[in-house]
Amino acid sequence: MPNLHRTVWVDADSCPVQKEIEEMSADCGVTARFIATVNHFSTEKSRGSWTFVDDGSQSVDLYILNAAAKGDVVITQDLSLAVLLTSKGVYVMTPRGKLIKESDADHIMNQKFIRQQTMKQKRKWKGPSAFTDKHREEFRKTFQYLLSEYEGI
């Protein structure tokens, strides 16, 4: 996995591993950019690596989609965004540590279609399980792998 770019983009509205991203990116000299809607604004986040966009259902996604370049890393829970990014040569992972590959696109989009059809029929769709320490550790492991590939460690 050669030639990682220097930017890690974070879909930060509901990202449970922000501290890990900050610490691990800084340790490797990689820039982490956190993108969130104005609803998540705070004075402590108003400086540095945070960018706030309009409050809209896809505002953060569109910002990241337009800003991320081949070799960058994006951390997001939005698998539809992940599908679009992997086709651009962007490395995408979830806060739970799952690395999304371009070959996952068909499965992801089929699952999204089934979920939408289920919801149209007013049936319940089971959401993701609660975020655990195991997910946090899996994230750290996968993210360290991506960063070490960049650093050549």
Protein backbone atom coordinates (compact mmCIF):
# COMPACT_ATOMS: atom_id res chain seq x y z
CA MET A 1 0.00 0.00 0.00
CA PRO A 2 2.54 2.65 -1.09
CA ASN A 3 2.22 6.41 -1.45
CA LEU A 4 -0.27 7.28 1.24
CA HIS A 5 -1.03 10.97 1.13
CA ARG A 6 -0.53 13.06 4.21
CA THR A 7 -4.16 13.68 5.19
CA VAL A 8 -6.58 11.70 7.33
CA TRP A 9 -10.15 12.95 6.86
CA VAL A 10 -12.62 12.26 9.67
CA ASP A 11 -16.39 12.29 9.35
CA ALA A 12 -16.49 13.68 12.88
CA ASP A 13 -20.19 14.20 13.65
CA SER A 14 -20.53 10.90 15.49
CA CYS A 15 -17.00 9.53 15.52
CA PRO A 16 -16.22 7.77 18.83
CA VAL A 17 -12.44 7.52 18.22
CA GLN A 18 -11.48 11.17 17.77
CA LYS A 19 -8.83 11.14 20.51
CA GLU A 20 -7.21 8.03 19.09
CA ILE A 21 -7.07 9.63 15.64
CA GLU A 22 -5.52 12.83 17.00
CA GLU A 23 -2.89 11.00 19.04
CA MET A 24 -1.93 8.37 16.50
CA SER A 25 -1.82 10.79 13.56
CA ALA A 26 0.35 13.24 15.50
CA ASP A 27 2.74 10.43 16.49
CA CYS A 28 3.28 9.64 12.79
CA GLY A 29 3.39 13.25 11.57
CA VAL A 30 0.18 12.87 9.56
CA THR A 31 -2.42 15.64 9.36
CA ALA A 32 -5.85 14.70 10.69
CA ARG A 33 -8.73 16.91 9.51
CA PHE A 34 -12.03 16.66 11.38
CA ILE A 35 -15.12 17.69 9.41
CA ALA A 36 -18.41 18.25 11.24
CA THR A 37 -21.64 20.18 10.89
CA VAL A 38 -22.07 23.47 12.75
CA ASN A 39 -24.33 21.63 15.23
CA HIS A 40 -21.15 20.10 16.69
CA PHE A 41 -19.27 23.38 17.02
CA SER A 42 -17.48 24.15 20.28
CA THR A 43 -14.82 26.72 21.08
CA GLU A 44 -12.28 24.00 21.87
CA LYS A 45 -12.78 22.59 18.37
CA SER A 46 -12.84 25.97 16.63
CA ARG A 47 -9.10 26.05 16.02
CA GLY A 48 -6.70 23.96 14.06
CA SER A 49 -7.78 20.79 12.39
CA TRP A 50 -11.58 21.21 12.62
CA THR A 51 -13.76 22.44 9.76
CA PHE A 52 -17.46 23.08 10.23
CA VAL A 53 -19.93 22.90 7.36
CA ASP A 54 -23.62 23.71 6.97
CA ASP A 55 -26.12 21.56 8.78
CA GLY A 56 -27.38 19.27 6.06
CA SER A 57 -27.77 15.53 5.79
CA GLN A 58 -24.88 15.15 3.34
CA SER A 59 -22.79 18.30 3.97
CA VAL A 60 -19.91 16.52 5.69
CA ASP A 61 -19.94 13.70 3.14
CA LEU A 62 -19.79 16.10 0.20
CA TYR A 63 -16.97 18.09 1.78
CA ILE A 64 -14.89 14.96 2.35
CA LEU A 65 -15.74 13.53 -1.08
CA ASN A 66 -14.47 16.72 -2.74
CA ALA A 67 -11.41 17.16 -0.52
CA ALA A 68 -10.00 13.63 -0.22
CA ALA A 69 -7.34 12.67 -2.73
CA LYS A 70 -5.86 9.38 -3.84
CA GLY A 71 -3.82 7.89 -1.01
CA ASP A 72 -5.63 9.80 1.75
CA VAL A 73 -7.36 7.97 4.58
CA VAL A 74 -11.00 8.63 5.47
CA ILE A 75 -12.63 7.47 8.68
CA THR A 76 -16.42 7.29 8.41
CA GLN A 77 -19.40 5.20 9.41
CA ASP A 78 -21.16 6.12 6.16
CA LEU A 79 -20.63 3.12 3.92
CA SER A 80 -22.19 4.81 0.88
CA LEU A 81 -19.53 7.52 1.17
CA ALA A 82 -16.93 4.79 1.59
CA VAL A 83 -17.97 3.20 -1.72
CA LEU A 84 -17.52 6.51 -3.55
CA LEU A 85 -14.13 7.14 -1.95
CA THR A 86 -12.58 3.72 -2.53
CA SER A 87 -13.18 4.13 -6.25
CA LYS A 88 -10.99 7.28 -6.06
CA GLY A 89 -8.08 5.38 -4.50
CA VAL A 90 -8.82 6.62 -0.98
CA TYR A 91 -8.30 4.25 1.95
CA VAL A 92 -11.48 4.07 4.02
CA MET A 93 -12.03 2.58 7.43
CA THR A 94 -14.83 2.67 9.99
CA PRO A 95 -14.45 3.74 13.62
CA ARG A 96 -14.87 0.06 14.47
CA GLY A 97 -11.69 -0.77 12.56
CA LYS A 98 -13.14 -2.29 9.39
CA LEU A 99 -11.14 -1.48 6.29
CA ILE A 100 -13.50 -0.92 3.36
CA LYS A 101 -12.29 -2.11 -0.04
CA GLU A 102 -13.54 -1.26 -3.50
CA SER A 103 -14.60 -4.89 -3.88
CA ASP A 104 -17.08 -4.38 -0.99
CA ALA A 105 -19.16 -1.89 -3.05
CA ASP A 106 -21.77 -4.32 -4.43
CA HIS A 107 -22.44 -5.87 -1.02
CA ILE A 108 -22.67 -2.47 0.69
CA MET A 109 -25.08 -1.06 -1.87
CA ASN A 110 -27.22 -4.24 -1.85
CA GLN A 111 -27.48 -4.03 1.95
CA LYS A 112 -28.48 -0.37 1.69
CA PHE A 113 -31.20 -1.24 -0.83
CA ILE A 114 -32.58 -4.02 1.39
CA ARG A 115 -32.56 -1.70 4.42
CA GLN A 116 -34.43 1.00 2.49
CA GLN A 117 -37.03 -1.48 1.24
CA THR A 118 -37.52 -2.82 4.75
CA MET A 119 -38.01 0.67 6.15
CA LYS A 120 -40.51 1.54 3.40
CA GLN A 121 -42.60 -1.39 4.60
CA LYS A 122 -42.50 0.18 8.09
CA ARG A 123 -40.63 -2.81 9.42
CA LYS A 124 -37.81 -2.39 11.90
CA TRP A 125 -34.21 -2.67 10.83
CA LYS A 126 -31.75 -3.63 13.51
CA GLY A 127 -29.01 -1.02 13.79
CA PRO A 128 -25.39 -1.58 14.78
CA SER A 129 -24.47 -2.97 18.17
CA ALA A 130 -23.15 -0.63 20.87
CA PHE A 131 -19.58 0.62 20.43
CA THR A 132 -17.25 -1.33 22.73
CA ASP A 133 -13.64 -1.31 23.88
CA LYS A 134 -13.07 -4.23 21.49
CA HIS A 135 -14.17 -2.01 18.59
CA ARG A 136 -11.84 0.75 19.83
CA GLU A 137 -8.91 -1.67 19.95
CA GLU A 138 -9.71 -3.01 16.48
CA PHE A 139 -9.78 0.58 15.22
CA ARG A 140 -6.37 1.30 16.77
CA LYS A 141 -4.90 -1.84 15.20
CA THR A 142 -6.21 -1.11 11.69
CA PHE A 143 -5.37 2.59 11.85
CA GLN A 144 -1.84 1.81 13.06
CA TYR A 145 -1.47 -0.55 10.10
CA LEU A 146 -2.43 2.22 7.67
CA LEU A 147 -0.16 4.74 9.36
CA SER A 148 2.77 2.33 9.49
CA GLU A 149 2.38 1.64 5.77
CA TYR A 150 2.63 5.39 5.25
CA GLU A 151 5.61 5.76 7.54
CA GLY A 152 7.33 2.62 6.27
CA ILE A 153 7.62 1.30 9.81
